[in-house]
Amino acid sequence: MPATGLSSDTIGNPYASPKQTTTYYLYHNKYIETIDSVTVYVENCGISFPDAFTPNNDGVNDYFKPKNSDYKEISGKIFNRWWRELFTFAKPDDKWDGKYKGNYVSEGVCFYLVSVTFANGEVQEKHGSVQLIR
């Protein structure tokens, strides 16, 4: 226990994947009462973005957004190669569809500057480029 983050709390070898550092306790009472524990430490691995995306409405890789979803706040901007602002991240579920003012952006490299805040209060800034492929 606790069952949170375990594949099962009724077997002897469950998989643990907690979202935060958790101490699990094992209670056994077959011949002699025993209790043991193990702590699974979870570290924030940061935020990452794809290197390319294809906003062509085929249902695959149509949006530019963070690969991770364990952040609580996001702010940032996407720019074209002339540093014209194309999109602004303001909410955790924001994602860019490859359009600017309702029109498709030309194929090419765009740049992003993003800041995210995780549940533990840690802030991480990320910048880079993304290839928009049509």
N, C-alpha and C. Protein backbone atom coordinates (compact mmCIF):
# COMPACT_ATOMS: atom_id res chain seq x y z
N MET A 1 0.83 -1.17 0.00
CA MET A 1 0.00 0.00 0.00
C MET A 1 0.88 1.23 0.00
N PRO A 2 0.48 2.31 -0.54
CA PRO A 2 -0.81 2.55 -1.18
C PRO A 2 -0.86 1.92 -2.57
N ALA A 3 -2.05 1.75 -3.08
CA ALA A 3 -2.23 1.14 -4.41
C ALA A 3 -1.94 2.13 -5.53
N THR A 4 -1.93 3.42 -5.22
CA THR A 4 -1.70 4.45 -6.24
C THR A 4 -0.35 4.25 -6.92
N GLY A 5 -0.37 4.16 -8.23
CA GLY A 5 0.86 4.01 -8.99
C GLY A 5 1.32 2.57 -9.16
N LEU A 6 0.59 1.61 -8.61
CA LEU A 6 0.95 0.19 -8.75
C LEU A 6 0.08 -0.47 -9.81
N SER A 7 0.68 -1.41 -10.56
CA SER A 7 -0.10 -2.16 -11.54
C SER A 7 -1.13 -3.04 -10.84
N SER A 8 -0.82 -3.49 -9.63
CA SER A 8 -1.75 -4.28 -8.82
C SER A 8 -1.27 -4.23 -7.38
N ASP A 9 -2.18 -4.18 -6.44
CA ASP A 9 -1.77 -4.21 -5.03
C ASP A 9 -2.08 -5.56 -4.40
N THR A 10 -2.34 -6.58 -5.23
CA THR A 10 -2.65 -7.91 -4.71
C THR A 10 -1.66 -8.97 -5.15
N ILE A 11 -0.60 -8.58 -5.85
CA ILE A 11 0.42 -9.54 -6.28
C ILE A 11 1.76 -9.18 -5.65
N GLY A 12 2.68 -10.12 -5.66
CA GLY A 12 3.98 -9.92 -5.02
C GLY A 12 4.99 -9.12 -5.82
N ASN A 13 4.76 -8.95 -7.11
CA ASN A 13 5.74 -8.24 -7.94
C ASN A 13 5.06 -7.26 -8.91
N PRO A 14 4.37 -6.26 -8.37
CA PRO A 14 3.72 -5.30 -9.24
C PRO A 14 4.72 -4.32 -9.84
N TYR A 15 4.30 -3.68 -10.92
CA TYR A 15 5.08 -2.58 -11.49
C TYR A 15 4.66 -1.30 -10.79
N ALA A 16 5.64 -0.49 -10.41
CA ALA A 16 5.36 0.79 -9.76
C ALA A 16 5.68 1.92 -10.72
N SER A 17 4.74 2.83 -10.90
CA SER A 17 4.97 4.00 -11.73
C SER A 17 4.24 5.21 -11.12
N PRO A 18 4.67 5.60 -9.93
CA PRO A 18 4.02 6.75 -9.29
C PRO A 18 4.40 8.06 -9.97
N LYS A 19 3.54 9.05 -9.85
CA LYS A 19 3.80 10.35 -10.45
C LYS A 19 4.66 11.23 -9.53
N GLN A 20 4.78 10.86 -8.27
CA GLN A 20 5.63 11.58 -7.33
C GLN A 20 6.31 10.55 -6.43
N THR A 21 7.36 10.96 -5.74
CA THR A 21 8.09 10.05 -4.85
C THR A 21 7.11 9.45 -3.85
N THR A 22 7.12 8.12 -3.75
CA THR A 22 6.16 7.40 -2.90
C THR A 22 6.85 6.28 -2.16
N THR A 23 6.51 6.11 -0.88
CA THR A 23 6.98 4.97 -0.10
C THR A 23 5.86 3.94 -0.08
N TYR A 24 6.16 2.73 -0.54
CA TYR A 24 5.21 1.63 -0.54
C TYR A 24 5.52 0.71 0.62
N TYR A 25 4.46 0.22 1.29
CA TYR A 25 4.61 -0.67 2.43
C TYR A 25 4.01 -2.02 2.08
N LEU A 26 4.74 -3.06 2.42
CA LEU A 26 4.28 -4.43 2.20
C LEU A 26 4.02 -5.06 3.56
N TYR A 27 2.81 -5.53 3.73
CA TYR A 27 2.41 -6.18 4.97
C TYR A 27 2.15 -7.64 4.67
N HIS A 28 2.77 -8.53 5.46
CA HIS A 28 2.61 -9.96 5.22
C HIS A 28 2.32 -10.63 6.56
N ASN A 29 1.33 -11.52 6.60
CA ASN A 29 0.97 -12.17 7.85
C ASN A 29 0.61 -13.63 7.60
N LYS A 30 1.57 -14.39 7.04
CA LYS A 30 1.29 -15.81 6.82
C LYS A 30 1.72 -16.62 8.04
N TYR A 31 3.02 -16.61 8.37
CA TYR A 31 3.51 -17.34 9.53
C TYR A 31 3.89 -16.39 10.65
N ILE A 32 4.43 -15.27 10.24
CA ILE A 32 4.84 -14.26 11.20
C ILE A 32 4.55 -12.89 10.58
N GLU A 33 4.04 -12.01 11.40
CA GLU A 33 3.68 -10.69 10.88
C GLU A 33 4.94 -9.91 10.53
N THR A 34 5.02 -9.43 9.27
CA THR A 34 6.17 -8.65 8.82
C THR A 34 5.68 -7.45 8.02
N ILE A 35 6.46 -6.39 8.12
CA ILE A 35 6.20 -5.19 7.35
C ILE A 35 7.53 -4.74 6.77
N ASP A 36 7.51 -4.38 5.49
CA ASP A 36 8.71 -3.85 4.84
C ASP A 36 8.28 -2.68 3.97
N SER A 37 9.26 -1.92 3.52
CA SER A 37 8.93 -0.76 2.69
C SER A 37 10.00 -0.53 1.64
N VAL A 38 9.60 0.17 0.60
CA VAL A 38 10.51 0.60 -0.45
C VAL A 38 10.04 1.97 -0.91
N THR A 39 10.99 2.85 -1.14
CA THR A 39 10.66 4.18 -1.63
C THR A 39 11.07 4.29 -3.08
N VAL A 40 10.12 4.71 -3.92
CA VAL A 40 10.37 4.94 -5.34
C VAL A 40 10.50 6.45 -5.51
N TYR A 41 11.70 6.87 -5.91
CA TYR A 41 11.97 8.29 -6.08
C TYR A 41 11.65 8.71 -7.51
N VAL A 42 10.91 9.79 -7.65
CA VAL A 42 10.53 10.30 -8.96
C VAL A 42 11.15 11.69 -9.11
N GLU A 43 11.94 11.84 -10.15
CA GLU A 43 12.54 13.13 -10.45
C GLU A 43 11.92 13.68 -11.71
N ASN A 44 11.81 14.97 -11.75
CA ASN A 44 11.28 15.63 -12.94
C ASN A 44 12.32 15.53 -14.05
N CYS A 45 11.96 14.92 -15.15
CA CYS A 45 12.88 14.76 -16.27
C CYS A 45 12.83 15.94 -17.23
N GLY A 46 12.03 16.91 -16.91
CA GLY A 46 11.98 18.10 -17.75
C GLY A 46 10.97 18.01 -18.85
N ILE A 47 10.96 19.02 -19.64
CA ILE A 47 10.00 19.14 -20.73
C ILE A 47 10.73 18.95 -22.04
N SER A 48 10.08 18.34 -23.00
CA SER A 48 10.70 18.17 -24.32
C SER A 48 9.66 18.39 -25.40
N PHE A 49 10.16 18.72 -26.58
CA PHE A 49 9.31 19.01 -27.73
C PHE A 49 9.78 18.17 -28.91
N PRO A 50 8.87 17.91 -29.85
CA PRO A 50 9.29 17.18 -31.06
C PRO A 50 10.19 18.04 -31.93
N ASP A 51 10.99 17.40 -32.76
CA ASP A 51 11.87 18.11 -33.70
C ASP A 51 11.14 18.51 -34.98
N ALA A 52 10.01 17.85 -35.23
CA ALA A 52 9.24 18.12 -36.45
C ALA A 52 7.78 17.75 -36.21
N PHE A 53 6.90 18.34 -37.02
CA PHE A 53 5.50 17.93 -37.00
C PHE A 53 4.88 18.18 -38.36
N THR A 54 3.76 17.49 -38.62
CA THR A 54 3.14 17.52 -39.95
C THR A 54 1.66 17.90 -39.81
N PRO A 55 1.34 19.18 -39.73
CA PRO A 55 -0.05 19.60 -39.55
C PRO A 55 -0.86 19.49 -40.85
N ASN A 56 -1.18 18.25 -41.23
CA ASN A 56 -1.91 18.03 -42.49
C ASN A 56 -3.26 17.35 -42.26
N ASN A 57 -3.73 17.36 -41.02
CA ASN A 57 -5.05 16.82 -40.66
C ASN A 57 -5.23 15.34 -40.97
N ASP A 58 -4.14 14.57 -40.89
CA ASP A 58 -4.27 13.12 -41.07
C ASP A 58 -4.43 12.39 -39.74
N GLY A 59 -4.47 13.16 -38.64
CA GLY A 59 -4.64 12.55 -37.31
C GLY A 59 -3.35 12.07 -36.68
N VAL A 60 -2.22 12.26 -37.35
CA VAL A 60 -0.93 11.82 -36.83
C VAL A 60 0.02 13.02 -36.80
N ASN A 61 0.52 13.36 -35.63
CA ASN A 61 1.54 14.41 -35.49
C ASN A 61 1.08 15.75 -36.08
N ASP A 62 -0.21 16.08 -35.87
CA ASP A 62 -0.78 17.29 -36.46
C ASP A 62 -0.54 18.56 -35.64
N TYR A 63 -0.07 18.41 -34.41
CA TYR A 63 0.10 19.56 -33.53
C TYR A 63 1.50 19.63 -32.94
N PHE A 64 1.96 20.84 -32.70
CA PHE A 64 3.22 21.05 -31.99
C PHE A 64 2.86 21.37 -30.55
N LYS A 65 3.31 20.51 -29.64
CA LYS A 65 3.04 20.66 -28.22
C LYS A 65 4.10 19.89 -27.45
N PRO A 66 4.22 20.15 -26.14
CA PRO A 66 5.21 19.39 -25.36
C PRO A 66 4.89 17.90 -25.37
N LYS A 67 5.94 17.08 -25.35
CA LYS A 67 5.75 15.63 -25.29
C LYS A 67 5.25 15.21 -23.92
N ASN A 68 5.68 15.93 -22.87
CA ASN A 68 5.29 15.63 -21.51
C ASN A 68 3.99 16.34 -21.18
N SER A 69 3.29 15.83 -20.19
CA SER A 69 2.06 16.51 -19.78
C SER A 69 2.00 16.65 -18.26
N ASP A 70 3.15 16.56 -17.60
CA ASP A 70 3.16 16.62 -16.14
C ASP A 70 3.44 18.02 -15.61
N TYR A 71 3.18 19.04 -16.39
CA TYR A 71 3.36 20.42 -15.95
C TYR A 71 1.99 21.03 -15.66
N LYS A 72 1.97 22.07 -14.82
CA LYS A 72 0.68 22.70 -14.49
C LYS A 72 0.48 24.04 -15.17
N GLU A 73 1.57 24.70 -15.60
CA GLU A 73 1.46 25.98 -16.29
C GLU A 73 2.45 26.02 -17.44
N ILE A 74 2.09 26.75 -18.48
CA ILE A 74 2.98 26.93 -19.62
C ILE A 74 2.79 28.33 -20.19
N SER A 75 3.86 28.91 -20.61
CA SER A 75 3.79 30.17 -21.35
C SER A 75 4.92 30.16 -22.36
N GLY A 76 4.68 30.74 -23.50
CA GLY A 76 5.72 30.75 -24.51
C GLY A 76 5.19 31.16 -25.86
N LYS A 77 6.12 31.22 -26.81
CA LYS A 77 5.77 31.68 -28.16
C LYS A 77 6.50 30.86 -29.21
N ILE A 78 5.89 30.82 -30.39
CA ILE A 78 6.50 30.20 -31.57
C ILE A 78 6.68 31.30 -32.61
N PHE A 79 7.85 31.30 -33.26
CA PHE A 79 8.20 32.33 -34.23
C PHE A 79 8.60 31.70 -35.55
N ASN A 80 8.44 32.45 -36.65
CA ASN A 80 8.97 32.00 -37.92
C ASN A 80 10.43 32.44 -38.03
N ARG A 81 11.06 32.20 -39.16
CA ARG A 81 12.49 32.50 -39.30
C ARG A 81 12.80 33.99 -39.30
N TRP A 82 11.77 34.84 -39.46
CA TRP A 82 11.97 36.29 -39.38
C TRP A 82 11.53 36.83 -38.02
N TRP A 83 11.30 35.91 -37.07
CA TRP A 83 10.90 36.22 -35.70
C TRP A 83 9.52 36.87 -35.61
N ARG A 84 8.66 36.59 -36.59
CA ARG A 84 7.25 36.98 -36.47
C ARG A 84 6.58 35.97 -35.54
N GLU A 85 5.87 36.46 -34.55
CA GLU A 85 5.19 35.59 -33.60
C GLU A 85 4.01 34.90 -34.29
N LEU A 86 4.02 33.57 -34.26
CA LEU A 86 2.99 32.78 -34.93
C LEU A 86 1.95 32.22 -33.97
N PHE A 87 2.37 31.93 -32.73
CA PHE A 87 1.48 31.26 -31.77
C PHE A 87 1.96 31.55 -30.36
N THR A 88 1.01 31.59 -29.42
CA THR A 88 1.34 31.80 -28.01
C THR A 88 0.78 30.67 -27.17
N PHE A 89 1.63 30.05 -26.34
CA PHE A 89 1.19 29.07 -25.34
C PHE A 89 0.76 29.85 -24.10
N ALA A 90 -0.45 29.60 -23.59
CA ALA A 90 -0.93 30.28 -22.39
C ALA A 90 -1.58 29.32 -21.40
N LYS A 91 -2.08 28.18 -21.89
CA LYS A 91 -2.75 27.21 -21.03
C LYS A 91 -2.09 25.83 -21.23
N PRO A 92 -2.14 24.96 -20.21
CA PRO A 92 -1.50 23.65 -20.33
C PRO A 92 -1.94 22.81 -21.52
N ASP A 93 -3.15 22.98 -22.00
CA ASP A 93 -3.61 22.16 -23.12
C ASP A 93 -3.45 22.84 -24.48
N ASP A 94 -2.76 23.99 -24.52
CA ASP A 94 -2.52 24.67 -25.80
C ASP A 94 -1.61 23.84 -26.70
N LYS A 95 -1.91 23.87 -27.99
CA LYS A 95 -1.10 23.19 -28.99
C LYS A 95 -1.23 23.97 -30.29
N TRP A 96 -0.16 23.98 -31.07
CA TRP A 96 -0.15 24.75 -32.32
C TRP A 96 -0.50 23.86 -33.49
N ASP A 97 -1.43 24.31 -34.33
CA ASP A 97 -1.89 23.53 -35.48
C ASP A 97 -1.19 23.93 -36.77
N GLY A 98 -0.13 24.75 -36.69
CA GLY A 98 0.60 25.13 -37.89
C GLY A 98 -0.04 26.27 -38.67
N LYS A 99 -0.95 27.01 -38.02
CA LYS A 99 -1.61 28.14 -38.69
C LYS A 99 -1.25 29.45 -38.01
N TYR A 100 -1.32 30.51 -38.80
CA TYR A 100 -1.15 31.87 -38.31
C TYR A 100 -2.30 32.70 -38.83
N LYS A 101 -3.10 33.25 -37.91
CA LYS A 101 -4.29 34.03 -38.26
C LYS A 101 -5.21 33.25 -39.20
N GLY A 102 -5.36 31.94 -38.93
CA GLY A 102 -6.25 31.08 -39.70
C GLY A 102 -5.70 30.53 -40.99
N ASN A 103 -4.50 30.94 -41.38
CA ASN A 103 -3.89 30.47 -42.63
C ASN A 103 -2.73 29.53 -42.34
N TYR A 104 -2.54 28.57 -43.22
CA TYR A 104 -1.44 27.63 -43.05
C TYR A 104 -0.09 28.33 -43.20
N VAL A 105 0.81 28.04 -42.28
CA VAL A 105 2.18 28.56 -42.35
C VAL A 105 2.96 27.71 -43.35
N SER A 106 3.83 28.33 -44.10
CA SER A 106 4.65 27.61 -45.08
C SER A 106 5.56 26.61 -44.39
N GLU A 107 5.89 25.56 -45.12
CA GLU A 107 6.82 24.56 -44.64
C GLU A 107 8.16 25.21 -44.31
N GLY A 108 8.81 24.76 -43.27
CA GLY A 108 10.11 25.30 -42.90
C GLY A 108 10.38 25.20 -41.42
N VAL A 109 11.42 25.86 -40.98
CA VAL A 109 11.84 25.82 -39.58
C VAL A 109 11.20 26.97 -38.82
N CYS A 110 10.67 26.66 -37.63
CA CYS A 110 10.14 27.66 -36.71
C CYS A 110 10.91 27.52 -35.40
N PHE A 111 10.81 28.54 -34.56
CA PHE A 111 11.55 28.58 -33.30
C PHE A 111 10.58 28.77 -32.15
N TYR A 112 10.92 28.22 -30.98
CA TYR A 112 10.05 28.36 -29.82
C TYR A 112 10.86 28.76 -28.59
N LEU A 113 10.21 29.53 -27.72
CA LEU A 113 10.70 29.90 -26.40
C LEU A 113 9.57 29.60 -25.44
N VAL A 114 9.78 28.69 -24.50
CA VAL A 114 8.69 28.23 -23.63
C VAL A 114 9.19 28.14 -22.19
N SER A 115 8.30 28.44 -21.26
CA SER A 115 8.55 28.28 -19.84
C SER A 115 7.41 27.45 -19.26
N VAL A 116 7.76 26.43 -18.48
CA VAL A 116 6.73 25.59 -17.85
C VAL A 116 6.96 25.57 -16.35
N THR A 117 5.87 25.39 -15.61
CA THR A 117 5.93 25.24 -14.16
C THR A 117 5.34 23.88 -13.83
N PHE A 118 6.11 23.08 -13.07
CA PHE A 118 5.67 21.75 -12.68
C PHE A 118 4.90 21.82 -11.37
N ALA A 119 4.23 20.74 -11.00
CA ALA A 119 3.41 20.69 -9.79
C ALA A 119 4.21 21.01 -8.53
N ASN A 120 5.50 20.67 -8.53
CA ASN A 120 6.33 20.93 -7.35
C ASN A 120 6.85 22.37 -7.31
N GLY A 121 6.45 23.21 -8.26
CA GLY A 121 6.86 24.60 -8.29
C GLY A 121 8.10 24.87 -9.12
N GLU A 122 8.77 23.82 -9.56
CA GLU A 122 9.97 23.99 -10.38
C GLU A 122 9.60 24.61 -11.73
N VAL A 123 10.40 25.57 -12.15
CA VAL A 123 10.20 26.23 -13.44
C VAL A 123 11.33 25.83 -14.37
N GLN A 124 11.00 25.50 -15.60
CA GLN A 124 12.00 25.16 -16.59
C GLN A 124 11.73 25.92 -17.87
N GLU A 125 12.78 26.48 -18.44
CA GLU A 125 12.66 27.18 -19.71
C GLU A 125 13.29 26.33 -20.80
N LYS A 126 12.69 26.39 -21.97
CA LYS A 126 13.18 25.58 -23.10
C LYS A 126 13.08 26.42 -24.36
N HIS A 127 14.07 26.29 -25.22
CA HIS A 127 14.02 26.95 -26.52
C HIS A 127 14.61 26.00 -27.55
N GLY A 128 14.20 26.19 -28.79
CA GLY A 128 14.69 25.31 -29.84
C GLY A 128 14.00 25.59 -31.15
N SER A 129 14.16 24.65 -32.07
CA SER A 129 13.55 24.79 -33.38
C SER A 129 12.73 23.56 -33.69
N VAL A 130 11.78 23.73 -34.59
CA VAL A 130 10.92 22.63 -35.03
C VAL A 130 10.75 22.76 -36.53
N GLN A 131 10.80 21.64 -37.21
CA GLN A 131 10.58 21.59 -38.66
C GLN A 131 9.11 21.35 -38.92
N LEU A 132 8.46 22.30 -39.59
CA LEU A 132 7.07 22.15 -40.00
C LEU A 132 7.08 21.55 -41.40
N ILE A 133 6.49 20.36 -41.53
CA ILE A 133 6.50 19.63 -42.80
C ILE A 133 5.08 19.54 -43.34
N ARG A 134 4.90 19.93 -44.57
CA ARG A 134 3.57 19.86 -45.23
C ARG A 134 3.54 18.69 -46.19
